Amino acid sequence: MENELFNQPMPKKLLQSFFLVFTAAAFAFSIWRLHAEEALTPQRIAVHYLGDGANGAEGDGLPEDPALGGGEMRFRKSVGGMIVVTHVHLFMIPAFFYLVGSVYLRSGATRAAALFVPTLGYAATAADMGGIWLVWSAGPSFTPLVFAAGVGMTASMAWMIAACLISLWRKTGRST
């Protein structure tokens, strides 16, 4: 595919670059926040949705670590809490994949990459949303699915943002 980004007028390049850089920063801060609060492990994902045992269920067996939010009682998310998480994520994550993907499709990516990378982001989002409901309803054995989906979303978004920024500022492929 042709790189349509490099020869755009400077205001368009700046607008797209600022959007991509701020989106990357938001994504990075989300990951940092998740790591700080949940330690980004399947075990902590289970605690996030199922609680830590303080509500009458068996404990998670994790040592109390104040840096990881240990010592706080974590309760199982309610149906309403799950709906709020799902609602917000299903509105926001696909919107950002669409916006970044729209720029990415003009970056000169190969046809295979143009099909695979954005599709990975949407498939990972679907796996993440389905995974959290499976964890909540069927148990912690589905936390690796949620974890893997997060890795897939991050890889897809990072690849698209990097490819776009490179294509905006460095002549690549078949620029016109």
N, C-alpha and C. Protein backbone atom coordinates (compact mmCIF):
# COMPACT_ATOMS: atom_id res chain seq x y z
N MET A 1 0.85 -1.18 0.00
CA MET A 1 0.00 0.00 0.00
C MET A 1 0.89 1.24 0.00
N GLU A 2 0.35 2.32 -0.43
CA GLU A 2 1.10 3.55 -0.58
C GLU A 2 1.14 4.35 0.72
N ASN A 3 2.30 4.92 1.06
CA ASN A 3 2.44 5.78 2.22
C ASN A 3 1.87 7.16 1.88
N GLU A 4 0.70 7.44 2.39
CA GLU A 4 0.04 8.72 2.14
C GLU A 4 0.35 9.75 3.22
N LEU A 5 1.07 9.36 4.25
CA LEU A 5 1.27 10.24 5.41
C LEU A 5 2.42 11.22 5.24
N PHE A 6 3.50 10.79 4.59
CA PHE A 6 4.72 11.59 4.55
C PHE A 6 4.53 12.94 3.86
N ASN A 7 3.83 12.98 2.75
CA ASN A 7 3.72 14.21 1.96
C ASN A 7 2.50 15.07 2.31
N GLN A 8 1.90 14.84 3.44
CA GLN A 8 0.76 15.67 3.86
C GLN A 8 1.26 17.07 4.26
N PRO A 9 0.37 18.04 4.24
CA PRO A 9 0.75 19.36 4.74
C PRO A 9 1.14 19.29 6.22
N MET A 10 2.02 20.16 6.63
CA MET A 10 2.55 20.16 8.00
C MET A 10 1.44 20.19 9.07
N PRO A 11 0.38 20.99 8.94
CA PRO A 11 -0.66 20.98 9.99
C PRO A 11 -1.29 19.60 10.19
N LYS A 12 -1.52 18.85 9.10
CA LYS A 12 -2.08 17.50 9.22
C LYS A 12 -1.09 16.56 9.89
N LYS A 13 0.19 16.68 9.51
CA LYS A 13 1.20 15.82 10.11
C LYS A 13 1.31 16.08 11.61
N LEU A 14 1.28 17.35 11.99
CA LEU A 14 1.36 17.69 13.41
C LEU A 14 0.13 17.21 14.17
N LEU A 15 -1.05 17.42 13.60
CA LEU A 15 -2.28 16.98 14.25
C LEU A 15 -2.26 15.47 14.48
N GLN A 16 -1.90 14.72 13.46
CA GLN A 16 -1.86 13.26 13.60
C GLN A 16 -0.76 12.83 14.56
N SER A 17 0.37 13.50 14.51
CA SER A 17 1.48 13.15 15.41
C SER A 17 1.11 13.41 16.86
N PHE A 18 0.51 14.56 17.14
CA PHE A 18 0.09 14.85 18.52
C PHE A 18 -0.93 13.83 19.00
N PHE A 19 -1.90 13.50 18.16
CA PHE A 19 -2.90 12.50 18.53
C PHE A 19 -2.22 11.17 18.86
N LEU A 20 -1.30 10.73 18.00
CA LEU A 20 -0.64 9.44 18.20
C LEU A 20 0.25 9.44 19.44
N VAL A 21 0.98 10.52 19.67
CA VAL A 21 1.85 10.59 20.84
C VAL A 21 1.02 10.61 22.13
N PHE A 22 -0.05 11.40 22.16
CA PHE A 22 -0.89 11.44 23.35
C PHE A 22 -1.63 10.12 23.57
N THR A 23 -2.02 9.46 22.49
CA THR A 23 -2.65 8.14 22.61
C THR A 23 -1.65 7.14 23.16
N ALA A 24 -0.43 7.17 22.67
CA ALA A 24 0.62 6.27 23.18
C ALA A 24 0.88 6.55 24.66
N ALA A 25 0.93 7.82 25.04
CA ALA A 25 1.14 8.17 26.45
C ALA A 25 -0.02 7.66 27.31
N ALA A 26 -1.24 7.84 26.84
CA ALA A 26 -2.41 7.36 27.60
C ALA A 26 -2.36 5.85 27.76
N PHE A 27 -2.00 5.16 26.70
CA PHE A 27 -1.89 3.69 26.75
C PHE A 27 -0.80 3.29 27.75
N ALA A 28 0.34 3.97 27.69
CA ALA A 28 1.45 3.66 28.59
C ALA A 28 1.06 3.91 30.05
N PHE A 29 0.38 5.02 30.31
CA PHE A 29 -0.05 5.30 31.69
C PHE A 29 -1.09 4.30 32.16
N SER A 30 -1.94 3.82 31.26
CA SER A 30 -2.91 2.79 31.63
C SER A 30 -2.19 1.52 32.06
N ILE A 31 -1.18 1.14 31.32
CA ILE A 31 -0.41 -0.06 31.66
C ILE A 31 0.32 0.15 32.98
N TRP A 32 0.90 1.32 33.16
CA TRP A 32 1.61 1.63 34.41
C TRP A 32 0.65 1.57 35.59
N ARG A 33 -0.55 2.14 35.43
CA ARG A 33 -1.55 2.12 36.49
C ARG A 33 -1.96 0.69 36.81
N LEU A 34 -2.20 -0.10 35.77
CA LEU A 34 -2.56 -1.50 35.99
C LEU A 34 -1.45 -2.25 36.70
N HIS A 35 -0.21 -1.99 36.31
CA HIS A 35 0.90 -2.66 36.96
C HIS A 35 1.01 -2.24 38.43
N ALA A 36 0.84 -0.97 38.69
CA ALA A 36 0.95 -0.47 40.06
C ALA A 36 -0.18 -1.02 40.95
N GLU A 37 -1.38 -1.14 40.40
CA GLU A 37 -2.53 -1.58 41.19
C GLU A 37 -2.71 -3.08 41.19
N GLU A 38 -2.43 -3.73 40.09
CA GLU A 38 -2.76 -5.15 39.95
C GLU A 38 -1.55 -6.04 39.74
N ALA A 39 -0.38 -5.48 39.56
CA ALA A 39 0.86 -6.22 39.31
C ALA A 39 0.82 -6.99 37.99
N LEU A 40 -0.18 -6.78 37.16
CA LEU A 40 -0.28 -7.36 35.83
C LEU A 40 0.05 -8.86 35.80
N THR A 41 -0.57 -9.60 36.67
CA THR A 41 -0.43 -11.04 36.66
C THR A 41 -1.81 -11.67 36.59
N PRO A 42 -1.92 -12.87 36.04
CA PRO A 42 -3.22 -13.53 36.03
C PRO A 42 -3.83 -13.66 37.43
N GLN A 43 -3.00 -13.91 38.43
CA GLN A 43 -3.51 -14.05 39.79
C GLN A 43 -4.15 -12.74 40.28
N ARG A 44 -3.52 -11.63 39.99
CA ARG A 44 -4.07 -10.34 40.41
C ARG A 44 -5.30 -9.96 39.58
N ILE A 45 -5.37 -10.40 38.33
CA ILE A 45 -6.57 -10.17 37.53
C ILE A 45 -7.76 -10.86 38.19
N ALA A 46 -7.53 -12.09 38.66
CA ALA A 46 -8.60 -12.81 39.35
C ALA A 46 -9.06 -12.06 40.59
N VAL A 47 -8.13 -11.54 41.37
CA VAL A 47 -8.48 -10.78 42.58
C VAL A 47 -9.29 -9.55 42.19
N HIS A 48 -8.92 -8.91 41.11
CA HIS A 48 -9.61 -7.69 40.68
C HIS A 48 -11.10 -7.95 40.43
N TYR A 49 -11.42 -9.06 39.80
CA TYR A 49 -12.81 -9.35 39.45
C TYR A 49 -13.54 -10.21 40.49
N LEU A 50 -12.80 -11.08 41.17
CA LEU A 50 -13.44 -12.03 42.09
C LEU A 50 -13.32 -11.65 43.56
N GLY A 51 -12.49 -10.66 43.87
CA GLY A 51 -12.26 -10.29 45.26
C GLY A 51 -11.12 -11.10 45.84
N ASP A 52 -10.79 -10.76 47.08
CA ASP A 52 -9.64 -11.40 47.72
C ASP A 52 -10.03 -12.36 48.83
N GLY A 53 -11.29 -12.70 48.91
CA GLY A 53 -11.73 -13.62 49.94
C GLY A 53 -12.30 -12.93 51.16
N ALA A 54 -12.20 -11.61 51.21
CA ALA A 54 -12.71 -10.88 52.36
C ALA A 54 -14.23 -10.91 52.42
N ASN A 55 -14.87 -11.28 51.33
CA ASN A 55 -16.33 -11.30 51.29
C ASN A 55 -16.89 -12.70 51.53
N GLY A 56 -16.11 -13.55 52.18
CA GLY A 56 -16.62 -14.87 52.53
C GLY A 56 -16.06 -15.98 51.68
N ALA A 57 -15.47 -15.66 50.53
CA ALA A 57 -14.88 -16.69 49.68
C ALA A 57 -13.49 -17.00 50.21
N GLU A 58 -12.87 -18.01 49.67
CA GLU A 58 -11.52 -18.34 50.09
C GLU A 58 -10.57 -17.25 49.62
N GLY A 59 -9.51 -17.01 50.39
CA GLY A 59 -8.53 -15.99 50.03
C GLY A 59 -7.76 -16.38 48.80
N ASP A 60 -7.02 -15.42 48.26
CA ASP A 60 -6.26 -15.69 47.05
C ASP A 60 -4.89 -16.27 47.33
N GLY A 61 -4.52 -16.33 48.59
CA GLY A 61 -3.23 -16.90 48.95
C GLY A 61 -2.06 -15.97 48.70
N LEU A 62 -2.33 -14.72 48.32
CA LEU A 62 -1.26 -13.77 48.06
C LEU A 62 -0.85 -13.09 49.35
N PRO A 63 0.44 -12.85 49.54
CA PRO A 63 0.85 -12.11 50.73
C PRO A 63 0.36 -10.67 50.63
N GLU A 64 0.10 -10.07 51.77
CA GLU A 64 -0.34 -8.68 51.76
C GLU A 64 0.87 -7.81 51.46
N ASP A 65 0.79 -7.07 50.41
CA ASP A 65 1.88 -6.21 49.97
C ASP A 65 1.29 -4.84 49.72
N PRO A 66 1.58 -3.86 50.58
CA PRO A 66 0.99 -2.52 50.40
C PRO A 66 1.27 -1.91 49.03
N ALA A 67 2.42 -2.24 48.44
CA ALA A 67 2.75 -1.70 47.11
C ALA A 67 1.81 -2.23 46.04
N LEU A 68 1.21 -3.39 46.28
CA LEU A 68 0.29 -3.98 45.32
C LEU A 68 -1.16 -3.84 45.74
N GLY A 69 -1.40 -2.99 46.70
CA GLY A 69 -2.77 -2.83 47.17
C GLY A 69 -3.13 -3.87 48.21
N GLY A 70 -2.15 -4.63 48.72
CA GLY A 70 -2.41 -5.62 49.75
C GLY A 70 -2.90 -4.95 51.01
N GLY A 71 -3.64 -5.65 51.82
CA GLY A 71 -4.17 -5.09 53.04
C GLY A 71 -5.54 -4.49 52.85
N GLU A 72 -5.90 -4.16 51.62
CA GLU A 72 -7.24 -3.66 51.34
C GLU A 72 -8.16 -4.84 51.08
N MET A 73 -9.41 -4.70 51.53
CA MET A 73 -10.37 -5.74 51.18
C MET A 73 -10.82 -5.51 49.75
N ARG A 74 -10.81 -6.55 48.97
CA ARG A 74 -11.31 -6.50 47.61
C ARG A 74 -12.53 -7.39 47.52
N PHE A 75 -13.62 -6.83 47.05
CA PHE A 75 -14.85 -7.59 46.94
C PHE A 75 -15.10 -7.97 45.49
N ARG A 76 -15.83 -9.04 45.31
CA ARG A 76 -16.23 -9.49 43.98
C ARG A 76 -17.01 -8.36 43.31
N LYS A 77 -16.70 -8.11 42.03
CA LYS A 77 -17.44 -7.09 41.30
C LYS A 77 -18.90 -7.51 41.17
N SER A 78 -19.78 -6.56 41.28
CA SER A 78 -21.21 -6.82 41.09
C SER A 78 -21.51 -6.89 39.60
N VAL A 79 -22.71 -7.34 39.27
CA VAL A 79 -23.14 -7.34 37.86
C VAL A 79 -23.08 -5.92 37.33
N GLY A 80 -23.56 -4.97 38.12
CA GLY A 80 -23.52 -3.56 37.69
C GLY A 80 -22.09 -3.08 37.45
N GLY A 81 -21.16 -3.49 38.33
CA GLY A 81 -19.76 -3.11 38.15
C GLY A 81 -19.17 -3.71 36.88
N MET A 82 -19.54 -4.95 36.59
CA MET A 82 -19.07 -5.59 35.37
C MET A 82 -19.65 -4.90 34.13
N ILE A 83 -20.91 -4.51 34.21
CA ILE A 83 -21.55 -3.81 33.08
C ILE A 83 -20.87 -2.47 32.83
N VAL A 84 -20.53 -1.75 33.90
CA VAL A 84 -19.86 -0.45 33.73
C VAL A 84 -18.49 -0.65 33.07
N VAL A 85 -17.72 -1.62 33.55
CA VAL A 85 -16.41 -1.89 32.95
C VAL A 85 -16.56 -2.24 31.47
N THR A 86 -17.49 -3.13 31.17
CA THR A 86 -17.72 -3.56 29.80
C THR A 86 -18.17 -2.40 28.92
N HIS A 87 -19.11 -1.62 29.42
CA HIS A 87 -19.66 -0.49 28.68
C HIS A 87 -18.57 0.50 28.30
N VAL A 88 -17.78 0.91 29.28
CA VAL A 88 -16.74 1.91 29.04
C VAL A 88 -15.69 1.35 28.07
N HIS A 89 -15.26 0.12 28.31
CA HIS A 89 -14.22 -0.46 27.45
C HIS A 89 -14.71 -0.70 26.03
N LEU A 90 -15.97 -1.10 25.87
CA LEU A 90 -16.48 -1.35 24.52
C LEU A 90 -16.72 -0.06 23.73
N PHE A 91 -16.88 1.05 24.42
CA PHE A 91 -16.96 2.32 23.72
C PHE A 91 -15.58 2.87 23.39
N MET A 92 -14.68 2.86 24.36
CA MET A 92 -13.42 3.58 24.20
C MET A 92 -12.35 2.80 23.43
N ILE A 93 -12.14 1.56 23.75
CA ILE A 93 -11.04 0.82 23.12
C ILE A 93 -11.25 0.69 21.61
N PRO A 94 -12.43 0.25 21.15
CA PRO A 94 -12.61 0.18 19.69
C PRO A 94 -12.51 1.55 19.01
N ALA A 95 -12.94 2.61 19.69
CA ALA A 95 -12.83 3.95 19.10
C ALA A 95 -11.37 4.31 18.86
N PHE A 96 -10.51 4.02 19.82
CA PHE A 96 -9.09 4.33 19.64
C PHE A 96 -8.47 3.42 18.59
N PHE A 97 -8.86 2.15 18.54
CA PHE A 97 -8.35 1.28 17.49
C PHE A 97 -8.81 1.77 16.11
N TYR A 98 -10.02 2.27 16.03
CA TYR A 98 -10.51 2.80 14.75
C TYR A 98 -9.72 4.05 14.34
N LEU A 99 -9.56 4.98 15.26
CA LEU A 99 -8.87 6.23 14.93
C LEU A 99 -7.40 5.98 14.57
N VAL A 100 -6.71 5.23 15.39
CA VAL A 100 -5.31 4.94 15.10
C VAL A 100 -5.22 4.06 13.84
N GLY A 101 -6.12 3.09 13.72
CA GLY A 101 -6.12 2.22 12.55
C GLY A 101 -6.37 2.96 11.26
N SER A 102 -7.21 4.00 11.31
CA SER A 102 -7.48 4.81 10.11
C SER A 102 -6.22 5.51 9.63
N VAL A 103 -5.40 5.98 10.56
CA VAL A 103 -4.13 6.59 10.17
C VAL A 103 -3.17 5.49 9.69
N TYR A 104 -3.15 4.38 10.40
CA TYR A 104 -2.25 3.27 10.05
C TYR A 104 -2.49 2.76 8.63
N LEU A 105 -3.74 2.70 8.21
CA LEU A 105 -4.04 2.20 6.86
C LEU A 105 -3.51 3.13 5.76
N ARG A 106 -3.10 4.32 6.13
CA ARG A 106 -2.52 5.26 5.17
C ARG A 106 -1.01 5.34 5.29
N SER A 107 -0.41 4.45 6.12
CA SER A 107 1.01 4.54 6.43
C SER A 107 1.92 3.81 5.46
N GLY A 108 1.36 3.08 4.52
CA GLY A 108 2.18 2.31 3.60
C GLY A 108 2.42 0.89 4.10
N ALA A 109 1.65 0.45 5.08
CA ALA A 109 1.78 -0.92 5.58
C ALA A 109 1.48 -1.90 4.45
N THR A 110 2.10 -3.05 4.52
CA THR A 110 1.79 -4.08 3.52
C THR A 110 0.33 -4.49 3.67
N ARG A 111 -0.20 -5.09 2.65
CA ARG A 111 -1.60 -5.53 2.70
C ARG A 111 -1.83 -6.51 3.85
N ALA A 112 -0.89 -7.43 4.03
CA ALA A 112 -1.02 -8.42 5.11
C ALA A 112 -1.02 -7.73 6.48
N ALA A 113 -0.10 -6.79 6.68
CA ALA A 113 -0.05 -6.08 7.96
C ALA A 113 -1.29 -5.21 8.16
N ALA A 114 -1.77 -4.60 7.07
CA ALA A 114 -2.97 -3.76 7.16
C ALA A 114 -4.20 -4.58 7.54
N LEU A 115 -4.22 -5.85 7.18
CA LEU A 115 -5.32 -6.73 7.58
C LEU A 115 -5.11 -7.29 8.99
N PHE A 116 -3.87 -7.71 9.29
CA PHE A 116 -3.62 -8.41 10.54
C PHE A 116 -3.58 -7.51 11.77
N VAL A 117 -2.81 -6.42 11.72
CA VAL A 117 -2.55 -5.65 12.94
C VAL A 117 -3.82 -5.02 13.52
N PRO A 118 -4.63 -4.29 12.74
CA PRO A 118 -5.87 -3.76 13.33
C PRO A 118 -6.83 -4.87 13.77
N THR A 119 -6.90 -5.95 13.00
CA THR A 119 -7.78 -7.06 13.37
C THR A 119 -7.35 -7.68 14.68
N LEU A 120 -6.04 -7.78 14.91
CA LEU A 120 -5.53 -8.27 16.19
C LEU A 120 -6.05 -7.42 17.34
N GLY A 121 -6.04 -6.10 17.17
CA GLY A 121 -6.52 -5.22 18.22
C GLY A 121 -7.98 -5.47 18.56
N TYR A 122 -8.81 -5.60 17.54
CA TYR A 122 -10.24 -5.85 17.78
C TYR A 122 -10.48 -7.24 18.35
N ALA A 123 -9.76 -8.25 17.84
CA ALA A 123 -9.92 -9.61 18.36
C ALA A 123 -9.47 -9.68 19.82
N ALA A 124 -8.38 -9.00 20.14
CA ALA A 124 -7.90 -8.98 21.53
C ALA A 124 -8.88 -8.25 22.44
N THR A 125 -9.51 -7.19 21.93
CA THR A 125 -10.53 -6.49 22.71
C THR A 125 -11.71 -7.41 23.00
N ALA A 126 -12.14 -8.15 21.99
CA ALA A 126 -13.25 -9.10 22.18
C ALA A 126 -12.85 -10.18 23.19
N ALA A 127 -11.62 -10.69 23.08
CA ALA A 127 -11.15 -11.71 24.01
C ALA A 127 -11.07 -11.15 25.43
N ASP A 128 -10.64 -9.92 25.56
CA ASP A 128 -10.54 -9.28 26.87
C ASP A 128 -11.92 -9.13 27.50
N MET A 129 -12.87 -8.61 26.73
CA MET A 129 -14.22 -8.41 27.28
C MET A 129 -14.88 -9.74 27.61
N GLY A 130 -14.75 -10.72 26.72
CA GLY A 130 -15.29 -12.04 27.02
C GLY A 130 -14.56 -12.69 28.18
N GLY A 131 -13.25 -12.49 28.23
CA GLY A 131 -12.44 -13.08 29.28
C GLY A 131 -12.79 -12.59 30.67
N ILE A 132 -13.04 -11.28 30.82
CA ILE A 132 -13.37 -10.80 32.16
C ILE A 132 -14.70 -11.36 32.63
N TRP A 133 -15.63 -11.55 31.70
CA TRP A 133 -16.92 -12.15 32.08
C TRP A 133 -16.74 -13.63 32.40
N LEU A 134 -15.85 -14.32 31.69
CA LEU A 134 -15.58 -15.72 32.01
C LEU A 134 -14.91 -15.85 33.37
N VAL A 135 -13.96 -14.95 33.67
CA VAL A 135 -13.34 -14.96 35.00
C VAL A 135 -14.40 -14.74 36.06
N TRP A 136 -15.24 -13.75 35.84
CA TRP A 136 -16.26 -13.38 36.82
C TRP A 136 -17.28 -14.50 37.03
N SER A 137 -17.66 -15.16 35.93
CA SER A 137 -18.74 -16.15 36.05
C SER A 137 -18.24 -17.59 36.21
N ALA A 138 -17.09 -17.93 35.61
CA ALA A 138 -16.65 -19.32 35.64
C ALA A 138 -15.41 -19.54 36.49
N GLY A 139 -14.69 -18.49 36.83
CA GLY A 139 -13.56 -18.65 37.73
C GLY A 139 -12.23 -18.20 37.17
N PRO A 140 -11.22 -18.25 38.01
CA PRO A 140 -9.91 -17.68 37.67
C PRO A 140 -9.13 -18.44 36.60
N SER A 141 -9.60 -19.58 36.16
CA SER A 141 -8.85 -20.31 35.13
C SER A 141 -8.84 -19.56 33.79
N PHE A 142 -9.68 -18.54 33.66
CA PHE A 142 -9.71 -17.76 32.42
C PHE A 142 -8.84 -16.49 32.47
N THR A 143 -8.15 -16.27 33.59
CA THR A 143 -7.32 -15.06 33.68
C THR A 143 -6.18 -15.05 32.65
N PRO A 144 -5.58 -16.19 32.27
CA PRO A 144 -4.56 -16.11 31.22
C PRO A 144 -5.11 -15.55 29.90
N LEU A 145 -6.39 -15.81 29.61
CA LEU A 145 -7.02 -15.25 28.41
C LEU A 145 -7.05 -13.73 28.49
N VAL A 146 -7.44 -13.20 29.65
CA VAL A 146 -7.49 -11.74 29.84
C VAL A 146 -6.09 -11.15 29.71
N PHE A 147 -5.12 -11.82 30.33
CA PHE A 147 -3.73 -11.35 30.26
C PHE A 147 -3.22 -11.35 28.82
N ALA A 148 -3.45 -12.45 28.10
CA ALA A 148 -3.01 -12.55 26.70
C ALA A 148 -3.72 -11.53 25.82
N ALA A 149 -4.99 -11.28 26.09
CA ALA A 149 -5.72 -10.27 25.32
C ALA A 149 -5.11 -8.89 25.54
N GLY A 150 -4.72 -8.59 26.76
CA GLY A 150 -4.07 -7.31 27.04
C GLY A 150 -2.76 -7.17 26.28
N VAL A 151 -2.02 -8.26 26.20
CA VAL A 151 -0.76 -8.25 25.43
C VAL A 151 -1.06 -8.01 23.96
N GLY A 152 -2.11 -8.66 23.43
CA GLY A 152 -2.48 -8.48 22.03
C GLY A 152 -2.92 -7.05 21.72
N MET A 153 -3.73 -6.47 22.62
CA MET A 153 -4.16 -5.08 22.40
C MET A 153 -2.96 -4.14 22.42
N THR A 154 -2.06 -4.34 23.38
CA THR A 154 -0.88 -3.49 23.50
C THR A 154 0.02 -3.62 22.28
N ALA A 155 0.24 -4.84 21.83
CA ALA A 155 1.10 -5.06 20.66
C ALA A 155 0.51 -4.40 19.42
N SER A 156 -0.78 -4.58 19.21
CA SER A 156 -1.44 -3.99 18.04
C SER A 156 -1.35 -2.46 18.06
N MET A 157 -1.70 -1.87 19.20
CA MET A 157 -1.68 -0.41 19.30
C MET A 157 -0.26 0.13 19.16
N ALA A 158 0.70 -0.50 19.83
CA ALA A 158 2.09 -0.02 19.75
C ALA A 158 2.62 -0.11 18.33
N TRP A 159 2.33 -1.21 17.64
CA TRP A 159 2.80 -1.38 16.26
C TRP A 159 2.21 -0.29 15.36
N MET A 160 0.90 -0.07 15.48
CA MET A 160 0.26 0.92 14.60
C MET A 160 0.79 2.32 14.88
N ILE A 161 0.92 2.68 16.15
CA ILE A 161 1.40 4.03 16.48
C ILE A 161 2.83 4.22 15.98
N ALA A 162 3.69 3.25 16.23
CA ALA A 162 5.09 3.37 15.78
C ALA A 162 5.17 3.47 14.27
N ALA A 163 4.43 2.62 13.57
CA ALA A 163 4.46 2.65 12.10
C ALA A 163 3.95 3.99 11.57
N CYS A 164 2.92 4.53 12.19
CA CYS A 164 2.37 5.81 11.75
C CYS A 164 3.36 6.94 11.97
N LEU A 165 3.96 7.00 13.15
CA LEU A 165 4.91 8.08 13.44
C LEU A 165 6.12 8.01 12.52
N ILE A 166 6.59 6.81 12.26
CA ILE A 166 7.72 6.66 11.32
C ILE A 166 7.30 7.12 9.93
N SER A 167 6.13 6.70 9.48
CA SER A 167 5.66 7.06 8.14
C SER A 167 5.36 8.55 8.00
N LEU A 168 4.96 9.18 9.08
CA LEU A 168 4.68 10.62 9.02
C LEU A 168 5.95 11.44 8.83
N TRP A 169 7.05 11.00 9.41
CA TRP A 169 8.24 11.84 9.46
C TRP A 169 9.44 11.29 8.70
N ARG A 170 9.32 10.09 8.15
CA ARG A 170 10.41 9.53 7.36
C ARG A 170 9.82 8.91 6.11
N LYS A 171 10.37 9.25 4.99
CA LYS A 171 9.87 8.72 3.73
C LYS A 171 10.11 7.22 3.70
N THR A 172 9.02 6.46 3.63
CA THR A 172 9.12 5.00 3.61
C THR A 172 8.29 4.48 2.46
N GLY A 173 8.61 3.32 2.00
CA GLY A 173 7.78 2.66 0.98
C GLY A 173 7.60 3.51 -0.25
N ARG A 174 6.39 3.50 -0.76
CA ARG A 174 6.06 4.19 -2.00
C ARG A 174 5.33 5.49 -1.71
N SER A 175 6.00 6.46 -1.16
CA SER A 175 5.37 7.76 -0.94
C SER A 175 5.16 8.46 -2.26
N THR A 176 4.09 9.21 -2.33
CA THR A 176 3.85 9.96 -3.57
C THR A 176 4.42 11.34 -3.45
